[in-house]
């Protein structure tokens, strides 16, 4: 499975999904799925959405060089939780794959950009102890000066977040945000907005699909194409 198209088609067959069904699950156009499955498109800004719909790790979907499943099983993301730690071995030290672009919006919410292929894939140079670290390019200025337009946040899915860490949280309703992790209690995770102008948030843990700590922020100049 050397290409994104190969990995998508094999996984769709495993799940008995049609292109139309995958498009609905990932909330993208059917034509975009067709281009990816046919190999006409090599990358997508919706890789995080598509990986979630296919119940695989976005790093594996993007490059094929990472474990297919990490902290999940065939049923999906239900077993992702605070405290998840899975030791793995890196094949490409200091090279973190970029798997998506996010628009920084009001209250720190992120909405993925469905932009043309070729602007935002590749790798960023970053030293991480997590072999499955991945990067997301940031657009907008709502989190300045902490995160600047065009910079990358590095996510470390194997690391156990602790109170005070910045974390990327993906809610089951599709919202993706970067917040500061306060604590987890009685099945709820409590988060503080990085921008102090906005109030704290709390979510039931079962409503959270991804909960990955931020390992660092990478400058634009550290990006290189595939």
C-alpha atoms as a PDB file:
ATOM      1  CA  UNK A   1       0.000   0.000   0.000  1.00  0.00           C
ATOM      2  CA  UNK A   2       2.350   2.667  -1.266  1.00  0.00           C
ATOM      3  CA  UNK A   3      -0.131   5.478  -1.892  1.00  0.00           C
ATOM      4  CA  UNK A   4      -2.882   7.289  -0.070  1.00  0.00           C
ATOM      5  CA  UNK A   5      -5.340   5.913  -2.654  1.00  0.00           C
ATOM      6  CA  UNK A   6      -4.211   2.345  -1.907  1.00  0.00           C
ATOM      7  CA  UNK A   7      -4.669   2.780   1.841  1.00  0.00           C
ATOM      8  CA  UNK A   8      -8.063   4.435   1.469  1.00  0.00           C
ATOM      9  CA  UNK A   9      -9.391   1.789  -0.906  1.00  0.00           C
ATOM     10  CA  UNK A  10      -8.183  -1.117   1.233  1.00  0.00           C
ATOM     11  CA  UNK A  11      -9.669   0.376   4.390  1.00  0.00           C
ATOM     12  CA  UNK A  12     -12.972   1.174   2.659  1.00  0.00           C
ATOM     13  CA  UNK A  13     -13.153  -2.463   1.553  1.00  0.00           C
ATOM     14  CA  UNK A  14     -12.452  -3.640   5.105  1.00  0.00           C
ATOM     15  CA  UNK A  15     -15.314  -1.465   6.394  1.00  0.00           C
ATOM     16  CA  UNK A  16     -17.590  -2.133   3.395  1.00  0.00           C
ATOM     17  CA  UNK A  17     -17.857   1.598   2.755  1.00  0.00           C
ATOM     18  CA  UNK A  18     -18.732   3.199  -0.566  1.00  0.00           C
ATOM     19  CA  UNK A  19     -17.215   6.506  -1.638  1.00  0.00           C
ATOM     20  CA  UNK A  20     -20.569   8.165  -1.037  1.00  0.00           C
ATOM     21  CA  UNK A  21     -20.807   6.727   2.490  1.00  0.00           C
ATOM     22  CA  UNK A  22     -17.250   7.784   3.328  1.00  0.00           C
ATOM     23  CA  UNK A  23     -17.932  11.291   2.041  1.00  0.00           C
ATOM     24  CA  UNK A  24     -20.929  11.611   4.360  1.00  0.00           C
ATOM     25  CA  UNK A  25     -19.039  10.247   7.372  1.00  0.00           C
ATOM     26  CA  UNK A  26     -16.088  12.564   6.796  1.00  0.00           C
ATOM     27  CA  UNK A  27     -18.276  15.542   5.859  1.00  0.00           C
ATOM     28  CA  UNK A  28     -16.458  16.115   2.563  1.00  0.00           C
ATOM     29  CA  UNK A  29     -17.654  16.122  -1.026  1.00  0.00           C
ATOM     30  CA  UNK A  30     -17.991  12.832  -2.890  1.00  0.00           C
ATOM     31  CA  UNK A  31     -15.881  14.267  -5.707  1.00  0.00           C
ATOM     32  CA  UNK A  32     -13.040  14.891  -3.233  1.00  0.00           C
ATOM     33  CA  UNK A  33     -13.203  11.269  -2.067  1.00  0.00           C
ATOM     34  CA  UNK A  34     -13.271  10.076  -5.685  1.00  0.00           C
ATOM     35  CA  UNK A  35     -10.146  12.094  -6.516  1.00  0.00           C
ATOM     36  CA  UNK A  36      -8.319  10.642  -3.515  1.00  0.00           C
ATOM     37  CA  UNK A  37      -9.398   7.064  -4.166  1.00  0.00           C
ATOM     38  CA  UNK A  38      -8.477   7.291  -7.850  1.00  0.00           C
ATOM     39  CA  UNK A  39      -5.089   8.817  -7.119  1.00  0.00           C
ATOM     40  CA  UNK A  40      -5.890  12.075  -8.912  1.00  0.00           C
ATOM     41  CA  UNK A  41      -5.373  13.876  -5.595  1.00  0.00           C
ATOM     42  CA  UNK A  42      -2.356  12.957  -3.483  1.00  0.00           C
ATOM     43  CA  UNK A  43      -3.227  14.796  -0.264  1.00  0.00           C
ATOM     44  CA  UNK A  44      -6.226  16.424   1.409  1.00  0.00           C
ATOM     45  CA  UNK A  45      -6.888  19.072   4.031  1.00  0.00           C
ATOM     46  CA  UNK A  46      -9.549  16.696   5.362  1.00  0.00           C
ATOM     47  CA  UNK A  47      -7.146  13.894   6.320  1.00  0.00           C
ATOM     48  CA  UNK A  48      -8.104  14.122   9.995  1.00  0.00           C
ATOM     49  CA  UNK A  49     -11.795  13.857   9.100  1.00  0.00           C
ATOM     50  CA  UNK A  50     -11.219  10.985   6.663  1.00  0.00           C
ATOM     51  CA  UNK A  51      -8.954   9.098   9.075  1.00  0.00           C
ATOM     52  CA  UNK A  52     -11.602   9.372  11.798  1.00  0.00           C
ATOM     53  CA  UNK A  53     -14.270   8.064   9.406  1.00  0.00           C
ATOM     54  CA  UNK A  54     -11.998   5.159   8.415  1.00  0.00           C
ATOM     55  CA  UNK A  55     -11.058   4.556  12.073  1.00  0.00           C
ATOM     56  CA  UNK A  56      -7.309   4.692  11.450  1.00  0.00           C
ATOM     57  CA  UNK A  57      -4.469   6.930  12.514  1.00  0.00           C
ATOM     58  CA  UNK A  58      -4.035  10.014  10.283  1.00  0.00           C
ATOM     59  CA  UNK A  59      -0.265   9.446  10.212  1.00  0.00           C
ATOM     60  CA  UNK A  60      -0.750   5.982   8.685  1.00  0.00           C
ATOM     61  CA  UNK A  61      -3.269   7.285   6.183  1.00  0.00           C
ATOM     62  CA  UNK A  62      -0.958  10.124   5.131  1.00  0.00           C
ATOM     63  CA  UNK A  63       2.316   8.224   4.800  1.00  0.00           C
ATOM     64  CA  UNK A  64       1.880   4.510   5.496  1.00  0.00           C
ATOM     65  CA  UNK A  65       4.975   4.655   7.709  1.00  0.00           C
ATOM     66  CA  UNK A  66       3.169   4.572  11.065  1.00  0.00           C
ATOM     67  CA  UNK A  67       1.022   1.987  12.855  1.00  0.00           C
ATOM     68  CA  UNK A  68      -2.431   1.654  11.323  1.00  0.00           C
ATOM     69  CA  UNK A  69      -4.120   1.626  14.707  1.00  0.00           C
ATOM     70  CA  UNK A  70      -2.932   3.420  17.829  1.00  0.00           C
ATOM     71  CA  UNK A  71      -5.038   3.606  20.947  1.00  0.00           C
ATOM     72  CA  UNK A  72      -8.058   2.330  19.037  1.00  0.00           C
ATOM     73  CA  UNK A  73      -9.509  -0.898  17.712  1.00  0.00           C
ATOM     74  CA  UNK A  74     -11.716  -1.856  14.773  1.00  0.00           C
ATOM     75  CA  UNK A  75     -14.694  -0.187  16.450  1.00  0.00           C
ATOM     76  CA  UNK A  76     -13.078   3.247  16.307  1.00  0.00           C
ATOM     77  CA  UNK A  77     -11.923   5.852  18.789  1.00  0.00           C
ATOM     78  CA  UNK A  78     -13.965   4.716  21.792  1.00  0.00           C
ATOM     79  CA  UNK A  79     -10.916   3.595  23.746  1.00  0.00           C
ATOM     80  CA  UNK A  80      -8.970   6.829  23.368  1.00  0.00           C
ATOM     81  CA  UNK A  81      -8.835   8.363  26.818  1.00  0.00           C
ATOM     82  CA  UNK A  82      -6.745  10.400  29.178  1.00  0.00           C
ATOM     83  CA  UNK A  83      -3.710   8.366  30.146  1.00  0.00           C
ATOM     84  CA  UNK A  84      -3.274   6.473  26.873  1.00  0.00           C
ATOM     85  CA  UNK A  85       0.361   5.487  26.335  1.00  0.00           C
ATOM     86  CA  UNK A  86       1.517   3.179  23.544  1.00  0.00           C
ATOM     87  CA  UNK A  87       5.281   2.710  23.086  1.00  0.00           C
ATOM     88  CA  UNK A  88       6.392   2.571  19.460  1.00  0.00           C
ATOM     89  CA  UNK A  89       9.626   2.937  17.512  1.00  0.00           C
ATOM     90  CA  UNK A  90      10.283   5.824  15.141  1.00  0.00           C
ATOM     91  CA  UNK A  91      11.530   5.197  11.597  1.00  0.00           C
ATOM     92  CA  UNK A  92      12.065   8.851  10.710  1.00  0.00           C
ATOM     93  CA  UNK A  93      13.548  10.856  13.603  1.00  0.00           C
ATOM     94  CA  UNK A  94      13.194  14.632  13.482  1.00  0.00           C
ATOM     95  CA  UNK A  95      10.650  14.449  10.621  1.00  0.00           C
ATOM     96  CA  UNK A  96       7.049  15.008  11.675  1.00  0.00           C
ATOM     97  CA  UNK A  97       4.350  14.569   8.988  1.00  0.00           C
ATOM     98  CA  UNK A  98       1.870  17.371   8.369  1.00  0.00           C
ATOM     99  CA  UNK A  99      -1.615  15.841   8.200  1.00  0.00           C
ATOM    100  CA  UNK A 100      -3.867  18.880   7.967  1.00  0.00           C
ATOM    101  CA  UNK A 101      -4.439  22.611   8.110  1.00  0.00           C
ATOM    102  CA  UNK A 102      -6.725  24.334  10.585  1.00  0.00           C
ATOM    103  CA  UNK A 103      -8.246  27.795  10.648  1.00  0.00           C
ATOM    104  CA  UNK A 104      -7.971  29.421  14.048  1.00  0.00           C
ATOM    105  CA  UNK A 105     -11.391  30.893  14.737  1.00  0.00           C
ATOM    106  CA  UNK A 106     -13.539  32.395  17.459  1.00  0.00           C
ATOM    107  CA  UNK A 107     -13.023  30.910  20.914  1.00  0.00           C
ATOM    108  CA  UNK A 108     -10.086  28.897  19.658  1.00  0.00           C
ATOM    109  CA  UNK A 109     -12.224  26.538  17.576  1.00  0.00           C
ATOM    110  CA  UNK A 110     -10.612  25.095  14.499  1.00  0.00           C
ATOM    111  CA  UNK A 111     -12.340  24.311  11.223  1.00  0.00           C
ATOM    112  CA  UNK A 112     -10.318  22.385   8.667  1.00  0.00           C
ATOM    113  CA  UNK A 113      -9.650  24.163   5.386  1.00  0.00           C
ATOM    114  CA  UNK A 114     -10.549  22.286   2.209  1.00  0.00           C
ATOM    115  CA  UNK A 115      -7.720  23.903   0.252  1.00  0.00           C
ATOM    116  CA  UNK A 116      -5.993  22.828  -2.984  1.00  0.00           C
ATOM    117  CA  UNK A 117      -3.637  19.885  -2.745  1.00  0.00           C
ATOM    118  CA  UNK A 118       0.051  20.670  -2.302  1.00  0.00           C
ATOM    119  CA  UNK A 119      -0.008  23.526   0.208  1.00  0.00           C
ATOM    120  CA  UNK A 120       0.481  22.058   3.648  1.00  0.00           C
ATOM    121  CA  UNK A 121       1.536  18.414   3.242  1.00  0.00           C
ATOM    122  CA  UNK A 122       5.132  17.324   3.741  1.00  0.00           C
ATOM    123  CA  UNK A 123       7.067  17.357   7.007  1.00  0.00           C
ATOM    124  CA  UNK A 124       8.328  19.759   9.638  1.00  0.00           C
ATOM    125  CA  UNK A 125      11.678  19.415  11.337  1.00  0.00           C
ATOM    126  CA  UNK A 126      11.069  18.807  15.017  1.00  0.00           C
ATOM    127  CA  UNK A 127      12.724  16.761  17.758  1.00  0.00           C
ATOM    128  CA  UNK A 128      10.047  14.626  19.428  1.00  0.00           C
ATOM    129  CA  UNK A 129      10.321  11.544  21.615  1.00  0.00           C
ATOM    130  CA  UNK A 130       6.943  10.372  20.272  1.00  0.00           C
ATOM    131  CA  UNK A 131       7.442   8.267  17.148  1.00  0.00           C
ATOM    132  CA  UNK A 132       3.860   8.975  16.081  1.00  0.00           C
ATOM    133  CA  UNK A 133       4.004  12.743  16.427  1.00  0.00           C
ATOM    134  CA  UNK A 134       2.138  14.638  13.714  1.00  0.00           C
ATOM    135  CA  UNK A 135       1.749  18.287  12.796  1.00  0.00           C
ATOM    136  CA  UNK A 136      -1.148  20.588  11.915  1.00  0.00           C
ATOM    137  CA  UNK A 137      -0.587  23.895  10.130  1.00  0.00           C
ATOM    138  CA  UNK A 138      -2.363  26.849  11.756  1.00  0.00           C
ATOM    139  CA  UNK A 139      -4.081  29.694   9.929  1.00  0.00           C
ATOM    140  CA  UNK A 140      -5.421  32.875  11.514  1.00  0.00           C
ATOM    141  CA  UNK A 141      -4.385  35.069  14.406  1.00  0.00           C
ATOM    142  CA  UNK A 142      -6.830  34.337  17.216  1.00  0.00           C
ATOM    143  CA  UNK A 143      -4.182  32.582  19.332  1.00  0.00           C
ATOM    144  CA  UNK A 144      -1.344  35.057  18.847  1.00  0.00           C
ATOM    145  CA  UNK A 145       1.235  35.409  20.189  1.00  0.00           C
ATOM    146  CA  UNK A 146       1.153  31.800  21.425  1.00  0.00           C
ATOM    147  CA  UNK A 147       0.468  30.400  17.924  1.00  0.00           C
ATOM    148  CA  UNK A 148       1.138  32.548  14.860  1.00  0.00           C
ATOM    149  CA  UNK A 149      -0.394  32.287  11.413  1.00  0.00           C
ATOM    150  CA  UNK A 150       1.407  29.647   9.340  1.00  0.00           C
ATOM    151  CA  UNK A 151       3.100  27.920  12.267  1.00  0.00           C
ATOM    152  CA  UNK A 152       2.659  24.241  13.090  1.00  0.00           C
ATOM    153  CA  UNK A 153       1.546  22.592  16.303  1.00  0.00           C
ATOM    154  CA  UNK A 154       3.186  19.234  16.977  1.00  0.00           C
ATOM    155  CA  UNK A 155       0.861  16.632  18.527  1.00  0.00           C
ATOM    156  CA  UNK A 156       2.196  13.667  20.516  1.00  0.00           C
ATOM    157  CA  UNK A 157      -0.522  10.973  20.755  1.00  0.00           C
ATOM    158  CA  UNK A 158       1.592   8.555  22.812  1.00  0.00           C
ATOM    159  CA  UNK A 159       2.325  11.028  25.586  1.00  0.00           C
ATOM    160  CA  UNK A 160       0.130  11.202  28.655  1.00  0.00           C
ATOM    161  CA  UNK A 161      -1.175  14.790  29.035  1.00  0.00           C
ATOM    162  CA  UNK A 162      -0.821  16.327  32.474  1.00  0.00           C
ATOM    163  CA  UNK A 163      -2.592  19.371  33.930  1.00  0.00           C
ATOM    164  CA  UNK A 164      -1.150  22.514  32.407  1.00  0.00           C
ATOM    165  CA  UNK A 165      -0.384  20.941  29.020  1.00  0.00           C
ATOM    166  CA  UNK A 166      -1.770  22.429  25.833  1.00  0.00           C
ATOM    167  CA  UNK A 167      -3.847  19.751  24.104  1.00  0.00           C
ATOM    168  CA  UNK A 168      -5.654  19.246  20.828  1.00  0.00           C
ATOM    169  CA  UNK A 169      -9.220  18.056  21.450  1.00  0.00           C
ATOM    170  CA  UNK A 170     -11.556  16.784  18.803  1.00  0.00           C
ATOM    171  CA  UNK A 171     -15.206  16.589  19.841  1.00  0.00           C
ATOM    172  CA  UNK A 172     -17.571  14.096  18.225  1.00  0.00           C
ATOM    173  CA  UNK A 173     -19.617  16.973  16.807  1.00  0.00           C
ATOM    174  CA  UNK A 174     -16.631  17.888  14.619  1.00  0.00           C
ATOM    175  CA  UNK A 175     -15.138  20.741  16.626  1.00  0.00           C
ATOM    176  CA  UNK A 176     -11.365  20.717  16.876  1.00  0.00           C
ATOM    177  CA  UNK A 177      -9.638  23.020  19.322  1.00  0.00           C
ATOM    178  CA  UNK A 178      -6.421  23.643  21.170  1.00  0.00           C
ATOM    179  CA  UNK A 179      -6.930  24.293  24.866  1.00  0.00           C
ATOM    180  CA  UNK A 180      -5.044  24.032  28.133  1.00  0.00           C
ATOM    181  CA  UNK A 181      -5.804  20.831  30.047  1.00  0.00           C
ATOM    182  CA  UNK A 182      -6.893  21.579  33.613  1.00  0.00           C
ATOM    183  CA  UNK A 183      -8.012  18.215  35.007  1.00  0.00           C
ATOM    184  CA  UNK A 184     -10.171  15.125  34.452  1.00  0.00           C
ATOM    185  CA  UNK A 185     -12.801  14.265  37.053  1.00  0.00           C
ATOM    186  CA  UNK A 186     -15.961  12.129  37.116  1.00  0.00           C
ATOM    187  CA  UNK A 187     -15.749  11.371  33.418  1.00  0.00           C
ATOM    188  CA  UNK A 188     -15.337  15.037  32.421  1.00  0.00           C
ATOM    189  CA  UNK A 189     -12.288  16.785  31.016  1.00  0.00           C
ATOM    190  CA  UNK A 190     -11.924  20.431  31.969  1.00  0.00           C
ATOM    191  CA  UNK A 191     -10.138  22.792  29.603  1.00  0.00           C
ATOM    192  CA  UNK A 192      -8.988  26.386  29.746  1.00  0.00           C
ATOM    193  CA  UNK A 193      -8.893  28.617  26.674  1.00  0.00           C
ATOM    194  CA  UNK A 194      -5.372  29.686  25.728  1.00  0.00           C
ATOM    195  CA  UNK A 195      -6.835  33.087  24.934  1.00  0.00           C
ATOM    196  CA  UNK A 196      -7.879  34.320  28.387  1.00  0.00           C
ATOM    197  CA  UNK A 197     -10.742  36.328  26.890  1.00  0.00           C
ATOM    198  CA  UNK A 198     -12.767  33.114  26.551  1.00  0.00           C
ATOM    199  CA  UNK A 199     -14.336  30.959  29.284  1.00  0.00           C
ATOM    200  CA  UNK A 200     -13.260  27.434  30.328  1.00  0.00           C
ATOM    201  CA  UNK A 201     -14.865  24.347  28.763  1.00  0.00           C
ATOM    202  CA  UNK A 202     -15.817  20.915  30.082  1.00  0.00           C
ATOM    203  CA  UNK A 203     -16.706  17.862  27.980  1.00  0.00           C
ATOM    204  CA  UNK A 204     -17.820  14.319  28.843  1.00  0.00           C
ATOM    205  CA  UNK A 205     -14.914  12.042  28.028  1.00  0.00           C
ATOM    206  CA  UNK A 206     -17.104   9.769  25.876  1.00  0.00           C
ATOM    207  CA  UNK A 207     -17.786  12.709  23.550  1.00  0.00           C
ATOM    208  CA  UNK A 208     -14.086  13.209  22.825  1.00  0.00           C
ATOM    209  CA  UNK A 209     -12.569  11.459  19.801  1.00  0.00           C
ATOM    210  CA  UNK A 210      -9.008  12.771  20.088  1.00  0.00           C
ATOM    211  CA  UNK A 211      -7.149  14.112  23.100  1.00  0.00           C
ATOM    212  CA  UNK A 212      -3.523  14.667  22.153  1.00  0.00           C
ATOM    213  CA  UNK A 213      -0.984  16.856  23.961  1.00  0.00           C
ATOM    214  CA  UNK A 214       0.895  19.570  22.096  1.00  0.00           C
ATOM    215  CA  UNK A 215       4.601  18.766  22.097  1.00  0.00           C
ATOM    216  CA  UNK A 216       5.682  22.058  20.618  1.00  0.00           C
ATOM    217  CA  UNK A 217       5.203  24.744  18.008  1.00  0.00           C
ATOM    218  CA  UNK A 218       7.282  24.718  14.842  1.00  0.00           C
ATOM    219  CA  UNK A 219       8.186  27.717  12.711  1.00  0.00           C
ATOM    220  CA  UNK A 220       7.100  28.008   9.087  1.00  0.00           C
ATOM    221  CA  UNK A 221      10.701  27.796   7.925  1.00  0.00           C
ATOM    222  CA  UNK A 222      10.979  24.233   9.278  1.00  0.00           C
ATOM    223  CA  UNK A 223       8.461  22.900   6.742  1.00  0.00           C
ATOM    224  CA  UNK A 224       9.666  20.840   3.778  1.00  0.00           C
ATOM    225  CA  UNK A 225       7.573  19.210   1.026  1.00  0.00           C
ATOM    226  CA  UNK A 226       7.369  15.441   0.625  1.00  0.00           C
END
